[in-house]
Amino acid sequence: MSYDVYIGQYDFNYTSNLGPFFRHYIPGVNGDGLKGLDGVEGQEAEPLLLAALDAILDDLEVSGAAGMVERWDSPNGWGTWIGATRMISKLARACTVHPAVIINVFT
C-alpha cells in the first residue's frame, strides 16, 4: 500500500510503511498524518509541512542519522525517513505554487 498525494499538476507517492513517521510529524487537521491533509488547501497545509520539516531537523540533530534510521526506516527496506522527508519538502513547495488548490490523498 502507499499514499498517493495530488495537488495541482503535482503528484507524489510514498509507501504506507512510513505511516507512523507521517503521523508523528504531520498533525494534519485531524492528527492523521498525510491522510489528514486530504481536502485541505495548499495554503493551510504548507505551514504544517514546514513545521514537520523543522521538527524532523530538530530530531535529526538530537538523534543523529543512525537514530533516525533505527526509529523510522521500514524494516523490510520499503521506505526511509530521508525519502519521506524529501516528499514532505516537495509537497510543501507544491503547496506554495498552488495555495488555493485542494490536496487529495488516497491510500
PDB file of N, CA and C in Angstrom:
ATOM      1  N   MET A   1       0.837  -1.176   0.000  1.00  0.00           N
ATOM      2  CA  MET A   1       0.000   0.000   0.000  1.00  0.00           C
ATOM      3  C   MET A   1       0.883   1.241   0.000  1.00  0.00           C
ATOM      4  N   SER A   2       0.277   2.327  -0.465  1.00  0.00           N
ATOM      5  CA  SER A   2       1.020   3.578  -0.487  1.00  0.00           C
ATOM      6  C   SER A   2       0.070   4.749  -0.362  1.00  0.00           C
ATOM      7  N   TYR A   3       0.675   5.908  -0.127  1.00  0.00           N
ATOM      8  CA  TYR A   3      -0.050   7.170  -0.146  1.00  0.00           C
ATOM      9  C   TYR A   3       0.132   7.766  -1.528  1.00  0.00           C
ATOM     10  N   ASP A   4      -0.951   8.161  -2.150  1.00  0.00           N
ATOM     11  CA  ASP A   4      -0.918   8.908  -3.398  1.00  0.00           C
ATOM     12  C   ASP A   4      -1.474  10.283  -3.090  1.00  0.00           C
ATOM     13  N   VAL A   5      -0.652  11.301  -3.281  1.00  0.00           N
ATOM     14  CA  VAL A   5      -0.997  12.668  -2.899  1.00  0.00           C
ATOM     15  C   VAL A   5      -0.961  13.547  -4.145  1.00  0.00           C
ATOM     16  N   TYR A   6      -2.024  14.316  -4.345  1.00  0.00           N
ATOM     17  CA  TYR A   6      -2.144  15.166  -5.528  1.00  0.00           C
ATOM     18  C   TYR A   6      -2.468  16.592  -5.120  1.00  0.00           C
ATOM     19  N   ILE A   7      -1.788  17.538  -5.773  1.00  0.00           N
ATOM     20  CA  ILE A   7      -2.127  18.957  -5.657  1.00  0.00           C
ATOM     21  C   ILE A   7      -1.710  19.618  -6.972  1.00  0.00           C
ATOM     22  N   GLY A   8      -2.681  20.220  -7.649  1.00  0.00           N
ATOM     23  CA  GLY A   8      -2.406  20.817  -8.953  1.00  0.00           C
ATOM     24  C   GLY A   8      -1.851  19.776  -9.901  1.00  0.00           C
ATOM     25  N   GLN A   9      -0.766  20.128 -10.600  1.00  0.00           N
ATOM     26  CA  GLN A   9      -0.162  19.188 -11.535  1.00  0.00           C
ATOM     27  C   GLN A   9       0.850  18.259 -10.862  1.00  0.00           C
ATOM     28  N   TYR A  10       0.998  18.377  -9.559  1.00  0.00           N
ATOM     29  CA  TYR A  10       1.976  17.563  -8.825  1.00  0.00           C
ATOM     30  C   TYR A  10       1.323  16.315  -8.241  1.00  0.00           C
ATOM     31  N   ASP A  11       2.035  15.220  -8.331  1.00  0.00           N
ATOM     32  CA  ASP A  11       1.572  14.011  -7.649  1.00  0.00           C
ATOM     33  C   ASP A  11       2.761  13.338  -6.994  1.00  0.00           C
ATOM     34  N   PHE A  12       2.493  12.803  -5.830  1.00  0.00           N
ATOM     35  CA  PHE A  12       3.527  12.178  -5.004  1.00  0.00           C
ATOM     36  C   PHE A  12       3.035  10.809  -4.557  1.00  0.00           C
ATOM     37  N   ASN A  13       3.969   9.898  -4.396  1.00  0.00           N
ATOM     38  CA  ASN A  13       3.631   8.558  -3.944  1.00  0.00           C
ATOM     39  C   ASN A  13       4.687   8.132  -2.945  1.00  0.00           C
ATOM     40  N   TYR A  14       4.233   7.594  -1.809  1.00  0.00           N
ATOM     41  CA  TYR A  14       5.183   7.059  -0.842  1.00  0.00           C
ATOM     42  C   TYR A  14       4.548   5.886  -0.099  1.00  0.00           C
ATOM     43  N   THR A  15       5.374   4.953   0.264  1.00  0.00           N
ATOM     44  CA  THR A  15       4.891   3.743   0.935  1.00  0.00           C
ATOM     45  C   THR A  15       4.215   4.054   2.266  1.00  0.00           C
ATOM     46  N   SER A  16       3.162   3.322   2.546  1.00  0.00           N
ATOM     47  CA  SER A  16       2.464   3.493   3.828  1.00  0.00           C
ATOM     48  C   SER A  16       3.260   2.889   4.985  1.00  0.00           C
ATOM     49  N   ASN A  17       4.382   2.218   4.684  1.00  0.00           N
ATOM     50  CA  ASN A  17       5.249   1.721   5.758  1.00  0.00           C
ATOM     51  C   ASN A  17       5.743   2.864   6.650  1.00  0.00           C
ATOM     52  N   LEU A  18       5.779   4.067   6.103  1.00  0.00           N
ATOM     53  CA  LEU A  18       6.219   5.217   6.878  1.00  0.00           C
ATOM     54  C   LEU A  18       5.041   5.985   7.474  1.00  0.00           C
ATOM     55  N   GLY A  19       3.876   5.352   7.525  1.00  0.00           N
ATOM     56  CA  GLY A  19       2.695   5.980   8.133  1.00  0.00           C
ATOM     57  C   GLY A  19       2.966   6.516   9.529  1.00  0.00           C
ATOM     58  N   PRO A  20       3.643   5.766  10.406  1.00  0.00           N
ATOM     59  CA  PRO A  20       3.926   6.296  11.744  1.00  0.00           C
ATOM     60  C   PRO A  20       4.776   7.580  11.703  1.00  0.00           C
ATOM     61  N   PHE A  21       5.708   7.644  10.774  1.00  0.00           N
ATOM     62  CA  PHE A  21       6.543   8.832  10.597  1.00  0.00           C
ATOM     63  C   PHE A  21       5.673  10.031  10.215  1.00  0.00           C
ATOM     64  N   PHE A  22       4.824   9.841   9.204  1.00  0.00           N
ATOM     65  CA  PHE A  22       3.951  10.924   8.758  1.00  0.00           C
ATOM     66  C   PHE A  22       2.985  11.352   9.863  1.00  0.00           C
ATOM     67  N   ARG A  23       2.430  10.394  10.588  1.00  0.00           N
ATOM     68  CA  ARG A  23       1.504  10.748  11.670  1.00  0.00           C
ATOM     69  C   ARG A  23       2.218  11.487  12.804  1.00  0.00           C
ATOM     70  N   HIS A  24       3.465  11.130  13.057  1.00  0.00           N
ATOM     71  CA  HIS A  24       4.228  11.783  14.115  1.00  0.00           C
ATOM     72  C   HIS A  24       4.552  13.236  13.760  1.00  0.00           C
ATOM     73  N   TYR A  25       4.989  13.457  12.533  1.00  0.00           N
ATOM     74  CA  TYR A  25       5.477  14.785  12.159  1.00  0.00           C
ATOM     75  C   TYR A  25       4.431  15.695  11.514  1.00  0.00           C
ATOM     76  N   ILE A  26       3.380  15.128  10.929  1.00  0.00           N
ATOM     77  CA  ILE A  26       2.357  15.962  10.290  1.00  0.00           C
ATOM     78  C   ILE A  26       1.044  15.756  11.034  1.00  0.00           C
ATOM     79  N   PRO A  27       0.695  16.700  11.895  1.00  0.00           N
ATOM     80  CA  PRO A  27      -0.557  16.522  12.628  1.00  0.00           C
ATOM     81  C   PRO A  27      -1.790  16.600  11.727  1.00  0.00           C
ATOM     82  N   GLY A  28      -1.635  17.237  10.554  1.00  0.00           N
ATOM     83  CA  GLY A  28      -2.796  17.396   9.685  1.00  0.00           C
ATOM     84  C   GLY A  28      -3.879  18.183  10.409  1.00  0.00           C
ATOM     85  N   VAL A  29      -5.056  18.117   9.904  1.00  0.00           N
ATOM     86  CA  VAL A  29      -6.149  18.817  10.568  1.00  0.00           C
ATOM     87  C   VAL A  29      -6.860  17.905  11.550  1.00  0.00           C
ATOM     88  N   ASN A  30      -6.537  16.598  11.500  1.00  0.00           N
ATOM     89  CA  ASN A  30      -7.200  15.666  12.422  1.00  0.00           C
ATOM     90  C   ASN A  30      -6.224  14.668  13.036  1.00  0.00           C
ATOM     91  N   GLY A  31      -4.917  14.959  12.951  1.00  0.00           N
ATOM     92  CA  GLY A  31      -3.924  14.099  13.572  1.00  0.00           C
ATOM     93  C   GLY A  31      -3.624  12.822  12.813  1.00  0.00           C
ATOM     94  N   ASP A  32      -3.966  12.777  11.538  1.00  0.00           N
ATOM     95  CA  ASP A  32      -3.808  11.535  10.782  1.00  0.00           C
ATOM     96  C   ASP A  32      -2.721  11.616   9.714  1.00  0.00           C
ATOM     97  N   GLY A  33      -1.668  12.380   9.952  1.00  0.00           N
ATOM     98  CA  GLY A  33      -0.546  12.433   9.031  1.00  0.00           C
ATOM     99  C   GLY A  33      -0.948  12.910   7.652  1.00  0.00           C
ATOM    100  N   LEU A  34      -0.400  12.260   6.634  1.00  0.00           N
ATOM    101  CA  LEU A  34      -0.721  12.648   5.259  1.00  0.00           C
ATOM    102  C   LEU A  34      -2.213  12.568   4.986  1.00  0.00           C
ATOM    103  N   LYS A  35      -2.852  11.534   5.491  1.00  0.00           N
ATOM    104  CA  LYS A  35      -4.295  11.363   5.261  1.00  0.00           C
ATOM    105  C   LYS A  35      -5.081  12.556   5.805  1.00  0.00           C
ATOM    106  N   GLY A  36      -4.578  13.171   6.854  1.00  0.00           N
ATOM    107  CA  GLY A  36      -5.229  14.333   7.432  1.00  0.00           C
ATOM    108  C   GLY A  36      -5.166  15.575   6.555  1.00  0.00           C
ATOM    109  N   LEU A  37      -4.337  15.546   5.506  1.00  0.00           N
ATOM    110  CA  LEU A  37      -4.256  16.675   4.585  1.00  0.00           C
ATOM    111  C   LEU A  37      -5.264  16.570   3.449  1.00  0.00           C
ATOM    112  N   ASP A  38      -5.952  15.450   3.353  1.00  0.00           N
ATOM    113  CA  ASP A  38      -6.947  15.268   2.302  1.00  0.00           C
ATOM    114  C   ASP A  38      -8.054  16.312   2.445  1.00  0.00           C
ATOM    115  N   GLY A  39      -8.319  17.036   1.355  1.00  0.00           N
ATOM    116  CA  GLY A  39      -9.370  18.046   1.370  1.00  0.00           C
ATOM    117  C   GLY A  39      -8.929  19.403   1.879  1.00  0.00           C
ATOM    118  N   VAL A  40      -7.652  19.553   2.183  1.00  0.00           N
ATOM    119  CA  VAL A  40      -7.107  20.796   2.724  1.00  0.00           C
ATOM    120  C   VAL A  40      -6.466  21.593   1.583  1.00  0.00           C
ATOM    121  N   GLU A  41      -6.625  22.915   1.612  1.00  0.00           N
ATOM    122  CA  GLU A  41      -5.969  23.754   0.610  1.00  0.00           C
ATOM    123  C   GLU A  41      -4.467  23.837   0.885  1.00  0.00           C
ATOM    124  N   GLY A  42      -3.718  24.078  -0.184  1.00  0.00           N
ATOM    125  CA  GLY A  42      -2.269  24.205  -0.068  1.00  0.00           C
ATOM    126  C   GLY A  42      -1.831  25.214   0.965  1.00  0.00           C
ATOM    127  N   GLN A  43      -2.521  26.353   1.032  1.00  0.00           N
ATOM    128  CA  GLN A  43      -2.129  27.400   1.978  1.00  0.00           C
ATOM    129  C   GLN A  43      -2.336  26.989   3.434  1.00  0.00           C
ATOM    130  N   GLU A  44      -3.220  26.067   3.689  1.00  0.00           N
ATOM    131  CA  GLU A  44      -3.427  25.560   5.045  1.00  0.00           C
ATOM    132  C   GLU A  44      -2.425  24.454   5.366  1.00  0.00           C
ATOM    133  N   ALA A  45      -2.078  23.674   4.354  1.00  0.00           N
ATOM    134  CA  ALA A  45      -1.153  22.554   4.564  1.00  0.00           C
ATOM    135  C   ALA A  45       0.299  23.007   4.662  1.00  0.00           C
ATOM    136  N   GLU A  46       0.661  24.047   3.924  1.00  0.00           N
ATOM    137  CA  GLU A  46       2.072  24.449   3.866  1.00  0.00           C
ATOM    138  C   GLU A  46       2.697  24.696   5.236  1.00  0.00           C
ATOM    139  N   PRO A  47       2.060  25.472   6.142  1.00  0.00           N
ATOM    140  CA  PRO A  47       2.696  25.675   7.448  1.00  0.00           C
ATOM    141  C   PRO A  47       2.828  24.385   8.256  1.00  0.00           C
ATOM    142  N   LEU A  48       1.899  23.461   8.089  1.00  0.00           N
ATOM    143  CA  LEU A  48       2.006  22.169   8.785  1.00  0.00           C
ATOM    144  C   LEU A  48       3.201  21.382   8.264  1.00  0.00           C
ATOM    145  N   LEU A  49       3.406  21.424   6.954  1.00  0.00           N
ATOM    146  CA  LEU A  49       4.522  20.700   6.348  1.00  0.00           C
ATOM    147  C   LEU A  49       5.861  21.334   6.712  1.00  0.00           C
ATOM    148  N   LEU A  50       5.903  22.658   6.731  1.00  0.00           N
ATOM    149  CA  LEU A  50       7.140  23.340   7.129  1.00  0.00           C
ATOM    150  C   LEU A  50       7.471  23.079   8.593  1.00  0.00           C
ATOM    151  N   ALA A  51       6.453  23.041   9.437  1.00  0.00           N
ATOM    152  CA  ALA A  51       6.670  22.698  10.850  1.00  0.00           C
ATOM    153  C   ALA A  51       7.183  21.269  10.986  1.00  0.00           C
ATOM    154  N   ALA A  52       6.660  20.377  10.142  1.00  0.00           N
ATOM    155  CA  ALA A  52       7.130  18.991  10.160  1.00  0.00           C
ATOM    156  C   ALA A  52       8.610  18.932   9.803  1.00  0.00           C
ATOM    157  N   LEU A  53       9.019  19.673   8.774  1.00  0.00           N
ATOM    158  CA  LEU A  53      10.430  19.682   8.381  1.00  0.00           C
ATOM    159  C   LEU A  53      11.311  20.215   9.506  1.00  0.00           C
ATOM    160  N   ASP A  54      10.862  21.255  10.187  1.00  0.00           N
ATOM    161  CA  ASP A  54      11.624  21.783  11.333  1.00  0.00           C
ATOM    162  C   ASP A  54      11.760  20.735  12.435  1.00  0.00           C
ATOM    163  N   ALA A  55      10.668  20.042  12.728  1.00  0.00           N
ATOM    164  CA  ALA A  55      10.699  19.019  13.781  1.00  0.00           C
ATOM    165  C   ALA A  55      11.610  17.854  13.396  1.00  0.00           C
ATOM    166  N   ILE A  56      11.590  17.478  12.125  1.00  0.00           N
ATOM    167  CA  ILE A  56      12.468  16.404  11.659  1.00  0.00           C
ATOM    168  C   ILE A  56      13.926  16.810  11.833  1.00  0.00           C
ATOM    169  N   LEU A  57      14.256  18.045  11.445  1.00  0.00           N
ATOM    170  CA  LEU A  57      15.635  18.522  11.604  1.00  0.00           C
ATOM    171  C   LEU A  57      16.039  18.586  13.071  1.00  0.00           C
ATOM    172  N   ASP A  58      15.122  19.003  13.931  1.00  0.00           N
ATOM    173  CA  ASP A  58      15.406  19.017  15.374  1.00  0.00           C
ATOM    174  C   ASP A  58      15.710  17.614  15.878  1.00  0.00           C
ATOM    175  N   ASP A  59      14.902  16.645  15.469  1.00  0.00           N
ATOM    176  CA  ASP A  59      15.124  15.260  15.905  1.00  0.00           C
ATOM    177  C   ASP A  59      16.414  14.694  15.329  1.00  0.00           C
ATOM    178  N   LEU A  60      16.725  15.063  14.098  1.00  0.00           N
ATOM    179  CA  LEU A  60      17.979  14.615  13.482  1.00  0.00           C
ATOM    180  C   LEU A  60      19.167  15.138  14.271  1.00  0.00           C
ATOM    181  N   GLU A  61      19.084  16.383  14.703  1.00  0.00           N
ATOM    182  CA  GLU A  61      20.169  16.970  15.480  1.00  0.00           C
ATOM    183  C   GLU A  61      20.376  16.226  16.803  1.00  0.00           C
ATOM    184  N   VAL A  62      19.288  15.800  17.417  1.00  0.00           N
ATOM    185  CA  VAL A  62      19.368  15.094  18.704  1.00  0.00           C
ATOM    186  C   VAL A  62      19.757  13.629  18.516  1.00  0.00           C
ATOM    187  N   SER A  63      19.114  12.953  17.560  1.00  0.00           N
ATOM    188  CA  SER A  63      19.268  11.507  17.391  1.00  0.00           C
ATOM    189  C   SER A  63      20.393  11.101  16.454  1.00  0.00           C
ATOM    190  N   GLY A  64      20.767  11.997  15.551  1.00  0.00           N
ATOM    191  CA  GLY A  64      21.723  11.638  14.511  1.00  0.00           C
ATOM    192  C   GLY A  64      21.041  10.796  13.441  1.00  0.00           C
ATOM    193  N   ALA A  65      21.707  10.672  12.318  1.00  0.00           N
ATOM    194  CA  ALA A  65      21.131   9.914  11.195  1.00  0.00           C
ATOM    195  C   ALA A  65      20.874   8.465  11.576  1.00  0.00           C
ATOM    196  N   ALA A  66      21.803   7.861  12.307  1.00  0.00           N
ATOM    197  CA  ALA A  66      21.622   6.453  12.689  1.00  0.00           C
ATOM    198  C   ALA A  66      20.394   6.282  13.579  1.00  0.00           C
ATOM    199  N   GLY A  67      20.166   7.237  14.474  1.00  0.00           N
ATOM    200  CA  GLY A  67      18.995   7.170  15.336  1.00  0.00           C
ATOM    201  C   GLY A  67      17.701   7.305  14.554  1.00  0.00           C
ATOM    202  N   MET A  68      17.708   8.159  13.540  1.00  0.00           N
ATOM    203  CA  MET A  68      16.518   8.322  12.704  1.00  0.00           C
ATOM    204  C   MET A  68      16.258   7.055  11.897  1.00  0.00           C
ATOM    205  N   VAL A  69      17.319   6.451  11.376  1.00  0.00           N
ATOM    206  CA  VAL A  69      17.164   5.196  10.629  1.00  0.00           C
ATOM    207  C   VAL A  69      16.574   4.131  11.526  1.00  0.00           C
ATOM    208  N   GLU A  70      17.135   4.006  12.720  1.00  0.00           N
ATOM    209  CA  GLU A  70      16.671   2.980  13.652  1.00  0.00           C
ATOM    210  C   GLU A  70      15.205   3.187  14.033  1.00  0.00           C
ATOM    211  N   ARG A  71      14.829   4.425  14.254  1.00  0.00           N
ATOM    212  CA  ARG A  71      13.463   4.710  14.703  1.00  0.00           C
ATOM    213  C   ARG A  71      12.437   4.624  13.575  1.00  0.00           C
ATOM    214  N   TRP A  72      12.794   5.112  12.369  1.00  0.00           N
ATOM    215  CA  TRP A  72      11.770   5.320  11.362  1.00  0.00           C
ATOM    216  C   TRP A  72      11.862   4.445  10.117  1.00  0.00           C
ATOM    217  N   ASP A  73      13.047   4.028   9.705  1.00  0.00           N
ATOM    218  CA  ASP A  73      13.128   3.273   8.450  1.00  0.00           C
ATOM    219  C   ASP A  73      12.393   1.946   8.561  1.00  0.00           C
ATOM    220  N   SER A  74      11.741   1.589   7.464  1.00  0.00           N
ATOM    221  CA  SER A  74      10.966   0.352   7.448  1.00  0.00           C
ATOM    222  C   SER A  74      11.897  -0.858   7.509  1.00  0.00           C
ATOM    223  N   PRO A  75      11.605  -1.812   8.375  1.00  0.00           N
ATOM    224  CA  PRO A  75      12.468  -2.990   8.490  1.00  0.00           C
ATOM    225  C   PRO A  75      12.526  -3.829   7.210  1.00  0.00           C
ATOM    226  N   ASN A  76      11.496  -3.734   6.365  1.00  0.00           N
ATOM    227  CA  ASN A  76      11.514  -4.531   5.135  1.00  0.00           C
ATOM    228  C   ASN A  76      12.221  -3.813   3.992  1.00  0.00           C
ATOM    229  N   GLY A  77      12.770  -2.613   4.274  1.00  0.00           N
ATOM    230  CA  GLY A  77      13.523  -1.886   3.263  1.00  0.00           C
ATOM    231  C   GLY A  77      12.683  -0.995   2.358  1.00  0.00           C
ATOM    232  N   TRP A  78      11.367  -1.043   2.510  1.00  0.00           N
ATOM    233  CA  TRP A  78      10.482  -0.222   1.684  1.00  0.00           C
ATOM    234  C   TRP A  78      10.088   1.028   2.448  1.00  0.00           C
ATOM    235  N   GLY A  79      10.892   2.073   2.317  1.00  0.00           N
ATOM    236  CA  GLY A  79      10.598   3.353   2.945  1.00  0.00           C
ATOM    237  C   GLY A  79      11.661   3.766   3.932  1.00  0.00           C
ATOM    238  N   THR A  80      12.148   4.987   3.756  1.00  0.00           N
ATOM    239  CA  THR A  80      13.160   5.541   4.650  1.00  0.00           C
ATOM    240  C   THR A  80      12.717   6.908   5.143  1.00  0.00           C
ATOM    241  N   TRP A  81      13.248   7.306   6.280  1.00  0.00           N
ATOM    242  CA  TRP A  81      12.895   8.614   6.828  1.00  0.00           C
ATOM    243  C   TRP A  81      13.365   9.730   5.900  1.00  0.00           C
ATOM    244  N   ILE A  82      14.520   9.536   5.264  1.00  0.00           N
ATOM    245  CA  ILE A  82      15.034  10.589   4.385  1.00  0.00           C
ATOM    246  C   ILE A  82      14.160  10.711   3.131  1.00  0.00           C
ATOM    247  N   GLY A  83      13.693   9.591   2.587  1.00  0.00           N
ATOM    248  CA  GLY A  83      12.800   9.633   1.432  1.00  0.00           C
ATOM    249  C   GLY A  83      11.474  10.294   1.778  1.00  0.00           C
ATOM    250  N   ALA A  84      10.945   9.982   2.951  1.00  0.00           N
ATOM    251  CA  ALA A  84       9.687  10.586   3.403  1.00  0.00           C
ATOM    252  C   ALA A  84       9.869  12.083   3.637  1.00  0.00           C
ATOM    253  N   THR A  85      11.022  12.478   4.159  1.00  0.00           N
ATOM    254  CA  THR A  85      11.316  13.888   4.389  1.00  0.00           C
ATOM    255  C   THR A  85      11.397  14.640   3.062  1.00  0.00           C
ATOM    256  N   ARG A  86      12.025  14.040   2.072  1.00  0.00           N
ATOM    257  CA  ARG A  86      12.091  14.667   0.747  1.00  0.00           C
ATOM    258  C   ARG A  86      10.685  14.855   0.177  1.00  0.00           C
ATOM    259  N   MET A  87       9.813  13.874   0.381  1.00  0.00           N
ATOM    260  CA  MET A  87       8.454  14.007  -0.121  1.00  0.00           C
ATOM    261  C   MET A  87       7.729  15.163   0.571  1.00  0.00           C
ATOM    262  N   ILE A  88       7.882  15.277   1.885  1.00  0.00           N
ATOM    263  CA  ILE A  88       7.258  16.375   2.629  1.00  0.00           C
ATOM    264  C   ILE A  88       7.760  17.721   2.087  1.00  0.00           C
ATOM    265  N   SER A  89       9.057  17.825   1.827  1.00  0.00           N
ATOM    266  CA  SER A  89       9.643  19.051   1.304  1.00  0.00           C
ATOM    267  C   SER A  89       9.062  19.401  -0.067  1.00  0.00           C
ATOM    268  N   LYS A  90       8.968  18.419  -0.933  1.00  0.00           N
ATOM    269  CA  LYS A  90       8.411  18.655  -2.273  1.00  0.00           C
ATOM    270  C   LYS A  90       6.928  19.015  -2.208  1.00  0.00           C
ATOM    271  N   LEU A  91       6.195  18.373  -1.316  1.00  0.00           N
ATOM    272  CA  LEU A  91       4.780  18.687  -1.156  1.00  0.00           C
ATOM    273  C   LEU A  91       4.602  20.109  -0.633  1.00  0.00           C
ATOM    274  N   ALA A  92       5.465  20.538   0.284  1.00  0.00           N
ATOM    275  CA  ALA A  92       5.400  21.910   0.796  1.00  0.00           C
ATOM    276  C   ALA A  92       5.624  22.914  -0.333  1.00  0.00           C
ATOM    277  N   ARG A  93       6.584  22.628  -1.198  1.00  0.00           N
ATOM    278  CA  ARG A  93       6.823  23.523  -2.342  1.00  0.00           C
ATOM    279  C   ARG A  93       5.631  23.552  -3.281  1.00  0.00           C
ATOM    280  N   ALA A  94       5.006  22.403  -3.505  1.00  0.00           N
ATOM    281  CA  ALA A  94       3.817  22.353  -4.366  1.00  0.00           C
ATOM    282  C   ALA A  94       2.684  23.173  -3.755  1.00  0.00           C
ATOM    283  N   CYS A  95       2.582  23.170  -2.447  1.00  0.00           N
ATOM    284  CA  CYS A  95       1.553  23.970  -1.764  1.00  0.00           C
ATOM    285  C   CYS A  95       1.804  25.459  -1.971  1.00  0.00           C
ATOM    286  N   THR A  96       3.072  25.864  -2.050  1.00  0.00           N
ATOM    287  CA  THR A  96       3.413  27.256  -2.313  1.00  0.00           C
ATOM    288  C   THR A  96       2.953  27.671  -3.706  1.00  0.00           C
ATOM    289  N   VAL A  97       3.118  26.767  -4.658  1.00  0.00           N
ATOM    290  CA  VAL A  97       2.719  27.032  -6.048  1.00  0.00           C
ATOM    291  C   VAL A  97       1.202  27.050  -6.189  1.00  0.00           C
ATOM    292  N   HIS A  98       0.514  26.228  -5.401  1.00  0.00           N
ATOM    293  CA  HIS A  98      -0.941  26.081  -5.500  1.00  0.00           C
ATOM    294  C   HIS A  98      -1.622  26.319  -4.153  1.00  0.00           C
ATOM    295  N   PRO A  99      -1.585  27.552  -3.634  1.00  0.00           N
ATOM    296  CA  PRO A  99      -2.140  27.796  -2.298  1.00  0.00           C
ATOM    297  C   PRO A  99      -3.647  27.573  -2.182  1.00  0.00           C
ATOM    298  N   ALA A 100      -4.381  27.766  -3.263  1.00  0.00           N
ATOM    299  CA  ALA A 100      -5.845  27.646  -3.190  1.00  0.00           C
ATOM    300  C   ALA A 100      -6.357  26.319  -3.734  1.00  0.00           C
ATOM    301  N   VAL A 101      -5.450  25.403  -4.047  1.00  0.00           N
ATOM    302  CA  VAL A 101      -5.843  24.111  -4.603  1.00  0.00           C
ATOM    303  C   VAL A 101      -5.971  23.093  -3.472  1.00  0.00           C
ATOM    304  N   ILE A 102      -6.990  22.270  -3.584  1.00  0.00           N
ATOM    305  CA  ILE A 102      -7.249  21.220  -2.582  1.00  0.00           C
ATOM    306  C   ILE A 102      -6.307  20.044  -2.801  1.00  0.00           C
ATOM    307  N   ILE A 103      -5.761  19.547  -1.686  1.00  0.00           N
ATOM    308  CA  ILE A 103      -4.924  18.340  -1.722  1.00  0.00           C
ATOM    309  C   ILE A 103      -5.840  17.120  -1.672  1.00  0.00           C
ATOM    310  N   ASN A 104      -5.510  16.139  -2.479  1.00  0.00           N
ATOM    311  CA  ASN A 104      -6.223  14.860  -2.452  1.00  0.00           C
ATOM    312  C   ASN A 104      -5.237  13.772  -2.060  1.00  0.00           C
ATOM    313  N   VAL A 105      -5.608  12.971  -1.076  1.00  0.00           N
ATOM    314  CA  VAL A 105      -4.769  11.879  -0.601  1.00  0.00           C
ATOM    315  C   VAL A 105      -5.542  10.589  -0.689  1.00  0.00           C
ATOM    316  N   PHE A 106      -4.945   9.601  -1.328  1.00  0.00           N
ATOM    317  CA  PHE A 106      -5.553   8.273  -1.453  1.00  0.00           C
ATOM    318  C   PHE A 106      -4.597   7.239  -0.878  1.00  0.00           C
ATOM    319  N   THR A 107      -5.164   6.235  -0.228  1.00  0.00           N
ATOM    320  CA  THR A 107      -4.334   5.140   0.287  1.00  0.00           C
ATOM    321  C   THR A 107      -4.857   3.825  -0.266  1.00  0.00           C
TER     322      THR A 107
END
